[in-house]
Amino acid sequence: MTISIGRSRALVYAVLAAFALFMMPGGLAASSGAAAPGGSLTGFIYGKDARTPVAGAVVMIRSLTDLKELASQPTDANGMYTITGVPEGRYMVGVTSVKDNFNLDYAVYVKAGEMGKLSVSLAPGAPAGGQESGTTGAKKKGFFASTAGRVLIVAAVGVGLYFLIVPHNEEASPIR
């Protein structure tokens, strides 16, 4: 008596169970109700030239939901920092170095159980108005002077010329 392995119900059920187990997000840990660990944020802090590592800087993040702050240990000789155990959410980032304090103008999102990477170059921000100090400000380029604006103009002119030049045959009317 021979049994075909390809037609065995036990094999089919075992393959389906293994597939379902691998396809579940997080495997068995997610289904057991275990709390998700916090995420982490790591990266490097560089000087104004974006090449020189800054040792001794402290990276701080502030939650946008409950305003709790977390800080890294001072950066090592390579400028590397790490903040672990960060609850999932959006954070503002700031860096305190020996020379100055710096704040980023945007928020970062840290996901639970994952490591976010963010490297920063410490350069003073531009004054209000978006101009470097000591320069005469040039006006911001308008939309129609940009590449996207020019493409829009060319497309609109092309469509307009198509309807002007190409003859459109009207449908034959059953009355005429």
C-alpha atoms as a PDB file:
ATOM      1  CA  MET A   1       0.000   0.000   0.000  1.00  0.00           C
ATOM      2  CA  THR A   2       1.577   3.309  -1.101  1.00  0.00           C
ATOM      3  CA  ILE A   3       0.429   6.768  -0.098  1.00  0.00           C
ATOM      4  CA  SER A   4       1.063   9.687  -2.406  1.00  0.00           C
ATOM      5  CA  ILE A   5       2.715  12.513  -0.484  1.00  0.00           C
ATOM      6  CA  GLY A   6       1.292  15.181  -2.785  1.00  0.00           C
ATOM      7  CA  ARG A   7      -2.262  14.117  -1.978  1.00  0.00           C
ATOM      8  CA  SER A   8      -1.917  13.753   1.787  1.00  0.00           C
ATOM      9  CA  ARG A   9      -4.324  15.970   3.735  1.00  0.00           C
ATOM     10  CA  ALA A  10      -1.899  16.211   6.656  1.00  0.00           C
ATOM     11  CA  LEU A  11       0.778  17.652   4.370  1.00  0.00           C
ATOM     12  CA  VAL A  12      -1.661  20.190   2.925  1.00  0.00           C
ATOM     13  CA  TYR A  13      -2.722  21.296   6.427  1.00  0.00           C
ATOM     14  CA  ALA A  14       0.912  21.518   7.585  1.00  0.00           C
ATOM     15  CA  VAL A  15       1.861  23.693   4.585  1.00  0.00           C
ATOM     16  CA  LEU A  16      -1.163  25.963   5.127  1.00  0.00           C
ATOM     17  CA  ALA A  17      -0.372  26.318   8.852  1.00  0.00           C
ATOM     18  CA  ALA A  18       3.277  27.148   8.133  1.00  0.00           C
ATOM     19  CA  PHE A  19       2.250  29.718   5.504  1.00  0.00           C
ATOM     20  CA  ALA A  20      -0.228  31.360   7.887  1.00  0.00           C
ATOM     21  CA  LEU A  21       2.383  31.433  10.665  1.00  0.00           C
ATOM     22  CA  PHE A  22       4.974  33.139   8.444  1.00  0.00           C
ATOM     23  CA  MET A  23       2.483  35.612   6.987  1.00  0.00           C
ATOM     24  CA  MET A  24       1.256  36.884  10.366  1.00  0.00           C
ATOM     25  CA  PRO A  25       2.880  40.244  11.210  1.00  0.00           C
ATOM     26  CA  GLY A  26       5.367  39.685  14.007  1.00  0.00           C
ATOM     27  CA  GLY A  27       4.933  35.909  14.062  1.00  0.00           C
ATOM     28  CA  LEU A  28       3.731  34.367  17.331  1.00  0.00           C
ATOM     29  CA  ALA A  29       4.821  37.326  19.485  1.00  0.00           C
ATOM     30  CA  ALA A  30       2.180  39.558  17.923  1.00  0.00           C
ATOM     31  CA  SER A  31      -0.609  37.094  18.618  1.00  0.00           C
ATOM     32  CA  SER A  32       0.468  36.464  22.231  1.00  0.00           C
ATOM     33  CA  GLY A  33      -0.375  40.071  23.212  1.00  0.00           C
ATOM     34  CA  ALA A  34       3.202  41.052  24.119  1.00  0.00           C
ATOM     35  CA  ALA A  35       3.747  44.804  24.319  1.00  0.00           C
ATOM     36  CA  ALA A  36       5.717  46.247  21.448  1.00  0.00           C
ATOM     37  CA  PRO A  37       9.127  47.565  22.502  1.00  0.00           C
ATOM     38  CA  GLY A  38       9.967  51.183  21.947  1.00  0.00           C
ATOM     39  CA  GLY A  39      11.891  52.292  18.903  1.00  0.00           C
ATOM     40  CA  SER A  40      15.291  53.890  18.733  1.00  0.00           C
ATOM     41  CA  LEU A  41      16.942  56.801  16.970  1.00  0.00           C
ATOM     42  CA  THR A  42      20.588  56.770  15.973  1.00  0.00           C
ATOM     43  CA  GLY A  43      22.921  58.722  13.722  1.00  0.00           C
ATOM     44  CA  PHE A  44      25.896  61.044  13.559  1.00  0.00           C
ATOM     45  CA  ILE A  45      26.415  64.700  14.421  1.00  0.00           C
ATOM     46  CA  TYR A  46      28.753  66.612  12.116  1.00  0.00           C
ATOM     47  CA  GLY A  47      30.187  70.115  12.225  1.00  0.00           C
ATOM     48  CA  LYS A  48      29.383  73.012   9.915  1.00  0.00           C
ATOM     49  CA  ASP A  49      31.442  71.475   7.071  1.00  0.00           C
ATOM     50  CA  ALA A  50      29.248  68.290   7.179  1.00  0.00           C
ATOM     51  CA  ARG A  51      32.399  66.131   7.478  1.00  0.00           C
ATOM     52  CA  THR A  52      33.945  66.720  10.898  1.00  0.00           C
ATOM     53  CA  PRO A  53      32.325  64.602  13.665  1.00  0.00           C
ATOM     54  CA  VAL A  54      31.246  66.506  16.765  1.00  0.00           C
ATOM     55  CA  ALA A  55      32.176  64.730  20.010  1.00  0.00           C
ATOM     56  CA  GLY A  56      30.300  65.489  23.228  1.00  0.00           C
ATOM     57  CA  ALA A  57      27.044  66.699  21.635  1.00  0.00           C
ATOM     58  CA  VAL A  58      23.748  65.589  23.190  1.00  0.00           C
ATOM     59  CA  VAL A  59      20.725  64.855  20.998  1.00  0.00           C
ATOM     60  CA  MET A  60      17.350  65.508  22.612  1.00  0.00           C
ATOM     61  CA  ILE A  61      13.918  64.638  21.304  1.00  0.00           C
ATOM     62  CA  ARG A  62      10.575  65.989  22.552  1.00  0.00           C
ATOM     63  CA  SER A  63       7.300  64.179  21.967  1.00  0.00           C
ATOM     64  CA  LEU A  64       4.700  66.258  20.158  1.00  0.00           C
ATOM     65  CA  THR A  65       1.867  64.496  22.016  1.00  0.00           C
ATOM     66  CA  ASP A  66       2.890  64.660  25.686  1.00  0.00           C
ATOM     67  CA  LEU A  67       6.002  66.929  25.485  1.00  0.00           C
ATOM     68  CA  LYS A  68       8.206  64.374  27.288  1.00  0.00           C
ATOM     69  CA  GLU A  69      11.894  64.660  26.477  1.00  0.00           C
ATOM     70  CA  LEU A  70      14.468  61.939  25.936  1.00  0.00           C
ATOM     71  CA  ALA A  71      18.196  62.555  25.542  1.00  0.00           C
ATOM     72  CA  SER A  72      21.143  60.579  24.227  1.00  0.00           C
ATOM     73  CA  GLN A  73      24.471  60.066  25.936  1.00  0.00           C
ATOM     74  CA  PRO A  74      27.114  62.523  24.654  1.00  0.00           C
ATOM     75  CA  THR A  75      28.308  61.613  21.171  1.00  0.00           C
ATOM     76  CA  ASP A  76      31.505  59.599  20.855  1.00  0.00           C
ATOM     77  CA  ALA A  77      34.654  60.611  18.950  1.00  0.00           C
ATOM     78  CA  ASN A  78      32.916  59.652  15.668  1.00  0.00           C
ATOM     79  CA  GLY A  79      29.916  61.856  16.477  1.00  0.00           C
ATOM     80  CA  MET A  80      27.577  58.862  16.909  1.00  0.00           C
ATOM     81  CA  TYR A  81      24.550  59.032  19.194  1.00  0.00           C
ATOM     82  CA  THR A  82      21.768  56.579  20.094  1.00  0.00           C
ATOM     83  CA  ILE A  83      18.477  57.047  21.921  1.00  0.00           C
ATOM     84  CA  THR A  84      16.730  53.773  22.831  1.00  0.00           C
ATOM     85  CA  GLY A  85      13.348  52.938  24.320  1.00  0.00           C
ATOM     86  CA  VAL A  86      11.553  55.702  22.422  1.00  0.00           C
ATOM     87  CA  PRO A  87       7.737  55.299  22.466  1.00  0.00           C
ATOM     88  CA  GLU A  88       6.185  55.378  18.994  1.00  0.00           C
ATOM     89  CA  GLY A  89       5.257  58.865  17.844  1.00  0.00           C
ATOM     90  CA  ARG A  90       6.361  62.196  16.361  1.00  0.00           C
ATOM     91  CA  TYR A  91       9.259  64.081  17.912  1.00  0.00           C
ATOM     92  CA  MET A  92      11.040  67.400  17.508  1.00  0.00           C
ATOM     93  CA  VAL A  93      14.831  67.055  17.509  1.00  0.00           C
ATOM     94  CA  GLY A  94      17.406  69.334  19.095  1.00  0.00           C
ATOM     95  CA  VAL A  95      21.172  69.108  19.521  1.00  0.00           C
ATOM     96  CA  THR A  96      23.225  70.693  22.280  1.00  0.00           C
ATOM     97  CA  SER A  97      26.939  70.973  21.593  1.00  0.00           C
ATOM     98  CA  VAL A  98      29.780  72.723  23.359  1.00  0.00           C
ATOM     99  CA  LYS A  99      29.461  75.711  21.006  1.00  0.00           C
ATOM    100  CA  ASP A 100      25.703  76.193  20.577  1.00  0.00           C
ATOM    101  CA  ASN A 101      22.196  74.755  20.679  1.00  0.00           C
ATOM    102  CA  PHE A 102      20.425  73.718  17.479  1.00  0.00           C
ATOM    103  CA  ASN A 103      16.783  72.827  16.810  1.00  0.00           C
ATOM    104  CA  LEU A 104      15.446  71.124  13.682  1.00  0.00           C
ATOM    105  CA  ASP A 105      12.450  72.755  12.001  1.00  0.00           C
ATOM    106  CA  TYR A 106      10.662  69.487  11.288  1.00  0.00           C
ATOM    107  CA  ALA A 107       9.396  66.482  13.194  1.00  0.00           C
ATOM    108  CA  VAL A 108      10.643  62.908  12.936  1.00  0.00           C
ATOM    109  CA  TYR A 109       8.496  59.822  13.402  1.00  0.00           C
ATOM    110  CA  VAL A 110       9.891  56.970  15.488  1.00  0.00           C
ATOM    111  CA  LYS A 111       8.171  53.610  14.988  1.00  0.00           C
ATOM    112  CA  ALA A 112       7.993  51.053  17.809  1.00  0.00           C
ATOM    113  CA  GLY A 113      10.371  48.134  17.377  1.00  0.00           C
ATOM    114  CA  GLU A 114      12.361  49.862  14.624  1.00  0.00           C
ATOM    115  CA  MET A 115      15.532  51.940  14.431  1.00  0.00           C
ATOM    116  CA  GLY A 116      15.376  55.371  12.816  1.00  0.00           C
ATOM    117  CA  LYS A 117      18.548  56.912  11.446  1.00  0.00           C
ATOM    118  CA  LEU A 118      19.119  60.663  11.423  1.00  0.00           C
ATOM    119  CA  SER A 119      22.445  62.398  10.880  1.00  0.00           C
ATOM    120  CA  VAL A 120      22.720  66.149  11.397  1.00  0.00           C
ATOM    121  CA  SER A 121      25.186  68.838  10.362  1.00  0.00           C
ATOM    122  CA  LEU A 122      25.383  71.680  12.874  1.00  0.00           C
ATOM    123  CA  ALA A 123      25.163  74.891  10.901  1.00  0.00           C
ATOM    124  CA  PRO A 124      23.368  78.010  12.065  1.00  0.00           C
ATOM    125  CA  GLY A 125      20.037  78.556  10.378  1.00  0.00           C
ATOM    126  CA  ALA A 126      19.268  81.338   7.957  1.00  0.00           C
ATOM    127  CA  PRO A 127      17.666  84.516   9.301  1.00  0.00           C
ATOM    128  CA  ALA A 128      13.933  84.957   8.921  1.00  0.00           C
ATOM    129  CA  GLY A 129      13.071  85.486   5.281  1.00  0.00           C
ATOM    130  CA  GLY A 130      15.302  82.637   4.094  1.00  0.00           C
ATOM    131  CA  GLN A 131      18.375  84.762   3.310  1.00  0.00           C
ATOM    132  CA  GLU A 132      21.958  84.110   4.330  1.00  0.00           C
ATOM    133  CA  SER A 133      23.411  86.862   6.492  1.00  0.00           C
ATOM    134  CA  GLY A 134      25.335  89.446   4.536  1.00  0.00           C
ATOM    135  CA  THR A 135      23.738  88.743   1.168  1.00  0.00           C
ATOM    136  CA  THR A 136      21.165  90.690  -0.720  1.00  0.00           C
ATOM    137  CA  GLY A 137      18.126  88.489  -1.060  1.00  0.00           C
ATOM    138  CA  ALA A 138      17.008  87.346  -4.468  1.00  0.00           C
ATOM    139  CA  LYS A 139      13.293  86.898  -4.957  1.00  0.00           C
ATOM    140  CA  LYS A 140      11.930  83.406  -4.862  1.00  0.00           C
ATOM    141  CA  LYS A 141      11.470  81.946  -8.325  1.00  0.00           C
ATOM    142  CA  GLY A 142       7.814  81.858  -9.390  1.00  0.00           C
ATOM    143  CA  PHE A 143       5.979  78.704 -10.428  1.00  0.00           C
ATOM    144  CA  PHE A 144       5.898  79.529 -14.146  1.00  0.00           C
ATOM    145  CA  ALA A 145       9.658  80.167 -14.114  1.00  0.00           C
ATOM    146  CA  SER A 146      10.283  76.661 -12.759  1.00  0.00           C
ATOM    147  CA  THR A 147      10.574  73.513 -14.866  1.00  0.00           C
ATOM    148  CA  ALA A 148       7.140  72.280 -13.784  1.00  0.00           C
ATOM    149  CA  GLY A 149       5.570  75.615 -14.717  1.00  0.00           C
ATOM    150  CA  ARG A 150       7.202  75.575 -18.136  1.00  0.00           C
ATOM    151  CA  VAL A 151       5.993  72.020 -18.777  1.00  0.00           C
ATOM    152  CA  LEU A 152       2.465  73.105 -17.844  1.00  0.00           C
ATOM    153  CA  ILE A 153       2.624  76.058 -20.271  1.00  0.00           C
ATOM    154  CA  VAL A 154       3.923  73.896 -23.135  1.00  0.00           C
ATOM    155  CA  ALA A 155       1.238  71.256 -22.509  1.00  0.00           C
ATOM    156  CA  ALA A 156      -1.551  73.851 -22.400  1.00  0.00           C
ATOM    157  CA  VAL A 157      -0.345  75.488 -25.633  1.00  0.00           C
ATOM    158  CA  GLY A 158      -0.072  72.064 -27.287  1.00  0.00           C
ATOM    159  CA  VAL A 159      -3.623  71.104 -26.363  1.00  0.00           C
ATOM    160  CA  GLY A 160      -4.922  74.491 -27.527  1.00  0.00           C
ATOM    161  CA  LEU A 161      -3.151  74.229 -30.886  1.00  0.00           C
ATOM    162  CA  TYR A 162      -4.444  70.696 -31.368  1.00  0.00           C
ATOM    163  CA  PHE A 163      -8.040  71.839 -31.107  1.00  0.00           C
ATOM    164  CA  LEU A 164      -7.396  74.824 -33.394  1.00  0.00           C
ATOM    165  CA  ILE A 165      -5.471  73.052 -36.147  1.00  0.00           C
ATOM    166  CA  VAL A 166      -6.809  69.491 -36.334  1.00  0.00           C
ATOM    167  CA  PRO A 167     -10.111  69.375 -38.231  1.00  0.00           C
ATOM    168  CA  HIS A 168     -12.862  67.732 -36.279  1.00  0.00           C
ATOM    169  CA  ASN A 169     -15.362  65.887 -38.381  1.00  0.00           C
ATOM    170  CA  GLU A 170     -18.803  66.269 -37.036  1.00  0.00           C
ATOM    171  CA  GLU A 171     -20.981  63.220 -36.724  1.00  0.00           C
ATOM    172  CA  ALA A 172     -23.395  62.691 -39.549  1.00  0.00           C
ATOM    173  CA  SER A 173     -26.862  63.655 -38.514  1.00  0.00           C
ATOM    174  CA  PRO A 174     -29.720  61.364 -39.508  1.00  0.00           C
ATOM    175  CA  ILE A 175     -31.731  64.474 -40.374  1.00  0.00           C
ATOM    176  CA  ARG A 176     -29.313  65.888 -42.949  1.00  0.00           C
END
